[in-house]
C-alpha atoms as a PDB file:
ATOM      1  CA  MET A   1      23.657   7.691  14.446  1.00  0.00           C
ATOM      2  CA  GLY A   2      23.032  10.956  16.182  1.00  0.00           C
ATOM      3  CA  GLY A   3      19.291  10.371  16.288  1.00  0.00           C
ATOM      4  CA  MET A   4      19.749   7.216  18.285  1.00  0.00           C
ATOM      5  CA  ASP A   5      20.897   9.229  21.284  1.00  0.00           C
ATOM      6  CA  LYS A   6      17.858  11.455  21.012  1.00  0.00           C
ATOM      7  CA  ASN A   7      15.314   8.711  20.322  1.00  0.00           C
ATOM      8  CA  SER A   8      16.330   5.841  22.566  1.00  0.00           C
ATOM      9  CA  ASP A   9      14.383   2.820  23.741  1.00  0.00           C
ATOM     10  CA  ASN A  10      13.086   5.001  26.568  1.00  0.00           C
ATOM     11  CA  SER A  11      11.619   7.625  24.250  1.00  0.00           C
ATOM     12  CA  ASP A  12       7.885   7.873  23.713  1.00  0.00           C
ATOM     13  CA  LYS A  13       8.435   8.712  20.043  1.00  0.00           C
ATOM     14  CA  THR A  14       9.887   6.799  17.114  1.00  0.00           C
ATOM     15  CA  ILE A  15      10.992   9.021  14.238  1.00  0.00           C
ATOM     16  CA  PHE A  16      11.888   7.700  10.794  1.00  0.00           C
ATOM     17  CA  LYS A  17      11.679   8.657   7.137  1.00  0.00           C
ATOM     18  CA  VAL A  18       9.435   7.317   4.402  1.00  0.00           C
ATOM     19  CA  LYS A  19      10.708   7.459   0.834  1.00  0.00           C
ATOM     20  CA  PHE A  20       7.902   7.715  -1.697  1.00  0.00           C
ATOM     21  CA  LEU A  21       8.409   8.358  -5.410  1.00  0.00           C
ATOM     22  CA  GLY A  22      11.893   9.723  -4.763  1.00  0.00           C
ATOM     23  CA  GLU A  23      10.882  12.140  -1.994  1.00  0.00           C
ATOM     24  CA  TYR A  24      11.528  11.802   1.733  1.00  0.00           C
ATOM     25  CA  HIS A  25       8.969  12.449   4.454  1.00  0.00           C
ATOM     26  CA  ASP A  26       9.339  12.469   8.229  1.00  0.00           C
ATOM     27  CA  VAL A  27       7.004  10.144  10.111  1.00  0.00           C
ATOM     28  CA  VAL A  28       6.551  10.182  13.871  1.00  0.00           C
ATOM     29  CA  ILE A  29       4.878   7.513  15.990  1.00  0.00           C
ATOM     30  CA  ASP A  30       4.062   8.768  19.478  1.00  0.00           C
ATOM     31  CA  TRP A  31       3.602   5.672  21.605  1.00  0.00           C
ATOM     32  CA  SER A  32       2.192   7.742  24.468  1.00  0.00           C
ATOM     33  CA  ASP A  33      -0.556   9.246  22.292  1.00  0.00           C
ATOM     34  CA  GLU A  34      -3.905   8.040  23.616  1.00  0.00           C
ATOM     35  CA  SER A  35      -6.097   9.994  21.182  1.00  0.00           C
ATOM     36  CA  HIS A  36      -6.747   6.848  19.127  1.00  0.00           C
ATOM     37  CA  GLU A  37      -7.651   3.362  20.289  1.00  0.00           C
ATOM     38  CA  TYR A  38      -5.084   1.842  17.927  1.00  0.00           C
ATOM     39  CA  LYS A  39      -1.541   3.191  17.617  1.00  0.00           C
ATOM     40  CA  GLN A  40      -1.309   2.384  13.908  1.00  0.00           C
ATOM     41  CA  VAL A  41      -3.880   5.082  13.148  1.00  0.00           C
ATOM     42  CA  GLN A  42      -1.017   7.579  13.457  1.00  0.00           C
ATOM     43  CA  LEU A  43       0.882   5.778  10.695  1.00  0.00           C
ATOM     44  CA  PHE A  44      -2.084   5.559   8.338  1.00  0.00           C
ATOM     45  CA  LYS A  45      -2.970   9.225   8.746  1.00  0.00           C
ATOM     46  CA  GLN A  46       0.581  10.289   7.925  1.00  0.00           C
ATOM     47  CA  LEU A  47       0.683   7.993   4.887  1.00  0.00           C
ATOM     48  CA  GLU A  48      -2.564   9.577   3.719  1.00  0.00           C
ATOM     49  CA  SER A  49      -0.838  12.961   3.836  1.00  0.00           C
ATOM     50  CA  ILE A  50       2.163  11.598   1.927  1.00  0.00           C
ATOM     51  CA  THR A  51       0.283   9.852  -0.897  1.00  0.00           C
ATOM     52  CA  GLY A  52      -2.903  11.884  -1.143  1.00  0.00           C
ATOM     53  CA  ILE A  53      -5.045   8.726  -1.238  1.00  0.00           C
ATOM     54  CA  ALA A  54      -7.878   8.951   1.283  1.00  0.00           C
ATOM     55  CA  ASN A  55      -7.291   6.815   4.353  1.00  0.00           C
ATOM     56  CA  LYS A  56     -10.651   5.057   3.979  1.00  0.00           C
ATOM     57  CA  TYR A  57      -9.393   3.315   0.810  1.00  0.00           C
ATOM     58  CA  ILE A  58      -6.255   1.884   2.464  1.00  0.00           C
ATOM     59  CA  CYS A  59      -6.819  -1.515   4.041  1.00  0.00           C
ATOM     60  CA  GLN A  60      -3.407  -2.368   5.496  1.00  0.00           C
ATOM     61  CA  VAL A  61       0.328  -1.752   5.632  1.00  0.00           C
ATOM     62  CA  ASP A  62       2.840  -4.594   5.482  1.00  0.00           C
ATOM     63  CA  LEU A  63       6.126  -3.889   7.261  1.00  0.00           C
ATOM     64  CA  GLU A  64       9.191  -5.666   5.889  1.00  0.00           C
ATOM     65  CA  ALA A  65      12.575  -5.848   7.570  1.00  0.00           C
ATOM     66  CA  ASP A  66      15.714  -7.970   7.313  1.00  0.00           C
ATOM     67  CA  ASN A  67      15.470 -11.341   9.053  1.00  0.00           C
ATOM     68  CA  GLN A  68      11.834 -10.791  10.019  1.00  0.00           C
ATOM     69  CA  ASP A  69       8.577 -12.190   8.745  1.00  0.00           C
ATOM     70  CA  PRO A  70       6.395  -9.455   7.220  1.00  0.00           C
ATOM     71  CA  PHE A  71       4.208  -7.716   9.773  1.00  0.00           C
ATOM     72  CA  LEU A  72       0.669  -6.951   8.629  1.00  0.00           C
ATOM     73  CA  THR A  73      -1.086  -4.073  10.329  1.00  0.00           C
ATOM     74  CA  GLU A  74      -4.677  -3.286   9.465  1.00  0.00           C
ATOM     75  CA  ASN A  75      -6.258   0.133   9.177  1.00  0.00           C
ATOM     76  CA  PRO A  76      -9.067   0.430  11.751  1.00  0.00           C
ATOM     77  CA  ASP A  77     -10.446   3.477   9.902  1.00  0.00           C
ATOM     78  CA  SER A  78     -10.732   1.646   6.587  1.00  0.00           C
ATOM     79  CA  GLU A  79     -14.011   0.452   5.113  1.00  0.00           C
ATOM     80  CA  TYR A  80     -12.226  -2.878   4.601  1.00  0.00           C
ATOM     81  CA  PHE A  81     -11.276  -3.508   8.229  1.00  0.00           C
ATOM     82  CA  TYR A  82     -11.799  -7.233   8.792  1.00  0.00           C
ATOM     83  CA  SER A  83      -9.813  -7.779  12.013  1.00  0.00           C
ATOM     84  CA  ILE A  84      -7.718 -10.483  10.351  1.00  0.00           C
ATOM     85  CA  VAL A  85      -5.002  -9.897  12.922  1.00  0.00           C
ATOM     86  CA  LEU A  86      -5.084  -8.416  16.373  1.00  0.00           C
ATOM     87  CA  PRO A  87      -5.099  -4.656  15.728  1.00  0.00           C
ATOM     88  CA  ASN A  88      -3.464  -3.930  19.068  1.00  0.00           C
ATOM     89  CA  ASP A  89      -0.328  -5.787  17.952  1.00  0.00           C
ATOM     90  CA  PHE A  90       1.029  -2.467  16.671  1.00  0.00           C
ATOM     91  CA  THR A  91       2.834  -1.619  19.899  1.00  0.00           C
ATOM     92  CA  LYS A  92       6.273  -0.268  20.687  1.00  0.00           C
ATOM     93  CA  ASP A  93       7.424  -3.622  22.067  1.00  0.00           C
ATOM     94  CA  ARG A  94       6.311  -5.361  18.875  1.00  0.00           C
ATOM     95  CA  ILE A  95       7.426  -2.794  16.293  1.00  0.00           C
ATOM     96  CA  TYR A  96      10.322  -0.727  17.614  1.00  0.00           C
ATOM     97  CA  ASN A  97      13.807  -2.023  16.726  1.00  0.00           C
ATOM     98  CA  GLN A  98      12.271  -4.929  14.812  1.00  0.00           C
ATOM     99  CA  TYR A  99      10.418  -3.313  11.921  1.00  0.00           C
ATOM    100  CA  ILE A 100      10.972   0.377  12.549  1.00  0.00           C
ATOM    101  CA  HIS A 101      14.186   1.942  13.850  1.00  0.00           C
ATOM    102  CA  ASP A 102      14.920   5.547  14.684  1.00  0.00           C
ATOM    103  CA  ASP A 103      16.288   7.563  11.774  1.00  0.00           C
ATOM    104  CA  GLU A 104      16.025   4.734   9.250  1.00  0.00           C
ATOM    105  CA  ILE A 105      14.480   5.050   5.784  1.00  0.00           C
ATOM    106  CA  LEU A 106      11.539   2.912   4.707  1.00  0.00           C
ATOM    107  CA  VAL A 107      10.467   2.745   1.073  1.00  0.00           C
ATOM    108  CA  LEU A 108       6.710   3.001   0.526  1.00  0.00           C
ATOM    109  CA  ARG A 109       5.110   0.914  -2.225  1.00  0.00           C
ATOM    110  CA  TYR A 110       1.454   0.887  -3.245  1.00  0.00           C
ATOM    111  CA  HIS A 111      -0.686  -1.991  -4.519  1.00  0.00           C
ATOM    112  CA  PRO A 112      -4.223  -1.373  -5.838  1.00  0.00           C
ATOM    113  CA  VAL A 113      -6.520  -4.378  -5.553  1.00  0.00           C
ATOM    114  CA  TYR A 114     -10.203  -5.172  -5.856  1.00  0.00           C
ATOM    115  CA  ASP A 115     -12.587  -7.598  -4.199  1.00  0.00           C
ATOM    116  CA  SER A 116     -15.413  -8.788  -6.429  1.00  0.00           C
ATOM    117  CA  ARG A 117     -17.100 -10.481  -3.457  1.00  0.00           C
ATOM    118  CA  ARG A 118     -18.053  -7.213  -1.814  1.00  0.00           C
ATOM    119  CA  VAL A 119     -21.427  -5.590  -2.351  1.00  0.00           C
ATOM    120  CA  ASP A 120     -20.015  -2.065  -2.328  1.00  0.00           C
ATOM    121  CA  ASN A 121     -16.659  -0.254  -2.295  1.00  0.00           C
ATOM    122  CA  TYR A 122     -14.932  -2.873  -4.409  1.00  0.00           C
ATOM    123  CA  LEU A 123     -11.606  -1.096  -4.875  1.00  0.00           C
ATOM    124  CA  PHE A 124      -8.969  -0.582  -2.236  1.00  0.00           C
ATOM    125  CA  CYS A 125      -5.230  -0.311  -1.804  1.00  0.00           C
ATOM    126  CA  TYR A 126      -2.572  -1.613   0.516  1.00  0.00           C
ATOM    127  CA  TYR A 127       0.936  -0.388   1.223  1.00  0.00           C
ATOM    128  CA  GLU A 128       4.276  -1.978   1.934  1.00  0.00           C
ATOM    129  CA  LEU A 129       7.031  -0.304   3.937  1.00  0.00           C
ATOM    130  CA  THR A 130      10.407  -1.893   3.290  1.00  0.00           C
ATOM    131  CA  ASN A 131      13.811  -1.081   4.718  1.00  0.00           C
ATOM    132  CA  GLU A 132      15.728   0.867   2.072  1.00  0.00           C
ATOM    133  CA  ASN A 133      18.689  -1.507   2.440  1.00  0.00           C
ATOM    134  CA  MET A 134      16.545  -4.293   0.966  1.00  0.00           C
ATOM    135  CA  ILE A 135      15.955  -2.414  -2.306  1.00  0.00           C
ATOM    136  CA  ARG A 136      18.496  -1.643  -5.030  1.00  0.00           C
ATOM    137  CA  GLU A 137      18.006   1.851  -6.398  1.00  0.00           C
ATOM    138  CA  GLY A 138      16.621   1.869  -9.935  1.00  0.00           C
ATOM    139  CA  VAL A 139      16.738  -1.922 -10.289  1.00  0.00           C
ATOM    140  CA  CYS A 140      13.843  -4.361 -10.509  1.00  0.00           C
ATOM    141  CA  SER A 141      14.306  -6.771  -7.636  1.00  0.00           C
ATOM    142  CA  MET A 142      13.573 -10.468  -7.358  1.00  0.00           C
ATOM    143  CA  TYR A 143       9.950 -11.624  -7.205  1.00  0.00           C
ATOM    144  CA  GLY A 144       8.687  -8.122  -7.922  1.00  0.00           C
ATOM    145  CA  ARG A 145       9.645  -6.791  -4.499  1.00  0.00           C
ATOM    146  CA  TYR A 146      10.305  -3.444  -6.115  1.00  0.00           C
ATOM    147  CA  CYS A 147       9.931  -2.168  -9.685  1.00  0.00           C
ATOM    148  CA  PRO A 148      10.993   1.462 -10.309  1.00  0.00           C
ATOM    149  CA  HIS A 149       8.853   1.574 -13.453  1.00  0.00           C
ATOM    150  CA  LEU A 150       5.610   0.509 -11.813  1.00  0.00           C
ATOM    151  CA  GLN A 151       6.362   2.480  -8.635  1.00  0.00           C
ATOM    152  CA  SER A 152       6.692   5.757 -10.538  1.00  0.00           C
ATOM    153  CA  LYS A 153       4.946   9.128 -10.449  1.00  0.00           C
ATOM    154  CA  THR A 154       3.447   8.548 -13.890  1.00  0.00           C
ATOM    155  CA  VAL A 155       1.779   5.292 -12.898  1.00  0.00           C
ATOM    156  CA  PHE A 156       0.865   6.459  -9.400  1.00  0.00           C
ATOM    157  CA  ASN A 157      -0.983   9.548 -10.636  1.00  0.00           C
ATOM    158  CA  LYS A 158      -3.232   7.271 -12.687  1.00  0.00           C
ATOM    159  CA  VAL A 159      -3.736   4.908  -9.773  1.00  0.00           C
ATOM    160  CA  LYS A 160      -4.488   7.838  -7.488  1.00  0.00           C
ATOM    161  CA  TYR A 161      -7.412   8.876  -9.691  1.00  0.00           C
ATOM    162  CA  VAL A 162      -8.949   5.419  -9.237  1.00  0.00           C
ATOM    163  CA  PHE A 163      -9.126   6.171  -5.507  1.00  0.00           C
ATOM    164  CA  SER A 164     -10.670   9.598  -5.885  1.00  0.00           C
ATOM    165  CA  ASP A 165     -14.228  10.022  -4.625  1.00  0.00           C
ATOM    166  CA  GLU A 166     -15.218  11.088  -8.145  1.00  0.00           C
ATOM    167  CA  PHE A 167     -14.128   7.839  -9.765  1.00  0.00           C
ATOM    168  CA  GLN A 168     -15.303   5.651  -6.894  1.00  0.00           C
ATOM    169  CA  SER A 169     -18.777   7.148  -7.171  1.00  0.00           C
ATOM    170  CA  LYS A 170     -18.872   6.514 -10.923  1.00  0.00           C
ATOM    171  CA  ILE A 171     -17.843   2.884 -10.803  1.00  0.00           C
ATOM    172  CA  ILE A 172     -19.951   2.002  -7.755  1.00  0.00           C
ATOM    173  CA  ASP A 173     -23.033   3.473  -9.451  1.00  0.00           C
ATOM    174  CA  ARG A 174     -22.213   1.573 -12.633  1.00  0.00           C
ATOM    175  CA  ILE A 175     -21.681  -1.720 -10.820  1.00  0.00           C
ATOM    176  CA  GLY A 176     -24.828  -1.166  -8.792  1.00  0.00           C
ATOM    177  CA  SER A 177     -26.897  -0.887 -11.953  1.00  0.00           C
ATOM    178  CA  SER A 178     -25.919  -4.421 -12.970  1.00  0.00           C
ATOM    179  CA  ASN A 179     -26.752  -7.630 -11.170  1.00  0.00           C
ATOM    180  CA  SER A 180     -24.683  -9.973 -13.267  1.00  0.00           C
ATOM    181  CA  SER A 181     -21.542  -8.440 -14.781  1.00  0.00           C
ATOM    182  CA  PRO A 182     -18.301  -9.045 -12.837  1.00  0.00           C
ATOM    183  CA  VAL A 183     -16.297  -6.181 -11.381  1.00  0.00           C
ATOM    184  CA  GLU A 184     -13.529  -6.852 -13.885  1.00  0.00           C
ATOM    185  CA  ARG A 185     -15.800  -5.863 -16.778  1.00  0.00           C
ATOM    186  CA  PHE A 186     -16.392  -2.420 -15.289  1.00  0.00           C
ATOM    187  CA  LEU A 187     -12.700  -1.938 -14.595  1.00  0.00           C
ATOM    188  CA  MET A 188     -12.106  -2.576 -18.285  1.00  0.00           C
ATOM    189  CA  GLU A 189     -15.004  -0.335 -19.245  1.00  0.00           C
ATOM    190  CA  PHE A 190     -13.438   2.541 -17.309  1.00  0.00           C
ATOM    191  CA  ASN A 191      -9.996   1.643 -18.702  1.00  0.00           C
ATOM    192  CA  VAL A 192      -8.370   1.013 -15.319  1.00  0.00           C
ATOM    193  CA  GLN A 193      -8.122  -2.792 -15.205  1.00  0.00           C
ATOM    194  CA  GLN A 194      -4.432  -2.632 -16.114  1.00  0.00           C
ATOM    195  CA  TYR A 195      -3.617  -0.848 -12.831  1.00  0.00           C
ATOM    196  CA  PHE A 196      -4.859  -3.881 -10.905  1.00  0.00           C
ATOM    197  CA  ARG A 197      -2.746  -6.322 -12.933  1.00  0.00           C
ATOM    198  CA  PHE A 198       0.727  -4.944 -12.378  1.00  0.00           C
ATOM    199  CA  ILE A 199       3.417  -7.403 -13.458  1.00  0.00           C
ATOM    200  CA  CYS A 200       6.978  -6.176 -13.824  1.00  0.00           C
ATOM    201  CA  THR A 201       8.471  -7.018 -17.235  1.00  0.00           C
ATOM    202  CA  GLU A 202      11.669  -8.079 -15.478  1.00  0.00           C
ATOM    203  CA  THR A 203       9.647 -10.607 -13.502  1.00  0.00           C
ATOM    204  CA  LEU A 204       8.118 -11.887 -16.743  1.00  0.00           C
ATOM    205  CA  ARG A 205      11.562 -12.185 -18.298  1.00  0.00           C
ATOM    206  CA  ARG A 206      13.035 -14.138 -15.397  1.00  0.00           C
ATOM    207  CA  TRP A 207      10.104 -16.472 -14.772  1.00  0.00           C
ATOM    208  CA  PRO A 208       7.976 -16.604 -17.941  1.00  0.00           C
ATOM    209  CA  MET A 209       6.438 -19.975 -17.065  1.00  0.00           C
ATOM    210  CA  ARG A 210       5.004 -18.608 -13.825  1.00  0.00           C
ATOM    211  CA  PHE A 211       3.031 -15.944 -15.628  1.00  0.00           C
ATOM    212  CA  ARG A 212       1.801 -17.772 -18.687  1.00  0.00           C
ATOM    213  CA  GLN A 213      -1.787 -16.779 -17.947  1.00  0.00           C
ATOM    214  CA  ARG A 214      -2.738 -13.549 -19.660  1.00  0.00           C
ATOM    215  CA  PHE A 215      -5.427 -11.360 -18.210  1.00  0.00           C
ATOM    216  CA  ALA A 216      -7.888  -9.387 -20.335  1.00  0.00           C
ATOM    217  CA  LEU A 217      -7.229  -5.729 -19.616  1.00  0.00           C
ATOM    218  CA  TYR A 218      -9.553  -4.073 -22.113  1.00  0.00           C
ATOM    219  CA  LEU A 219     -12.979  -4.726 -23.589  1.00  0.00           C
ATOM    220  CA  ARG A 220     -12.851  -6.250 -27.047  1.00  0.00           C
ATOM    221  CA  ASN A 221     -14.638  -3.310 -28.650  1.00  0.00           C
ATOM    222  CA  ARG A 222     -12.048  -0.835 -27.380  1.00  0.00           C
ATOM    223  CA  GLY A 223      -9.649   0.586 -29.961  1.00  0.00           C
END
């Protein structure tokens, strides 16, 4: 490709595109940029601009490529930064031409999750960036790798509200006023539990025995 001549192995910048909800966005990683201690901060800040979800609520990005094990990179600016892996692993030698190539397209997927063990800031989100060649357009893929129905603007706009400061303040205050009720109860109370239990119907159809357990999504007194 033409971009390969411009952005070679000797270049300080890796330029690629992120596809999110049907729209394409340019992302640039400048490996010579010393303004942040960790290079992956550049990626997280650009994903924040793309999705509109505040960076502090994003815990990690998983990079997926053909013939490679997934690469987990943590967000040093997140409130959920646990140093599970070595944060300095996000280097050009480790990432370039293995997980990210010049001019390629990576599909961005979002996954809201919660941690009932925490004492504050229970809700967070992680992303996956997958080579577009690994995803069939408009088709639910095996093991829930990609579902066009769950990864849609309609669903995302509802998920995005969960990660607004307004909602986070409400649910944290509500959880803080109780010493016994589990986080799940408050997610149901605010009618958002279903966004943390995404299961593609195609996955259910193919492997019904694997998902026999049914989760309560709403309080019993809800209509």
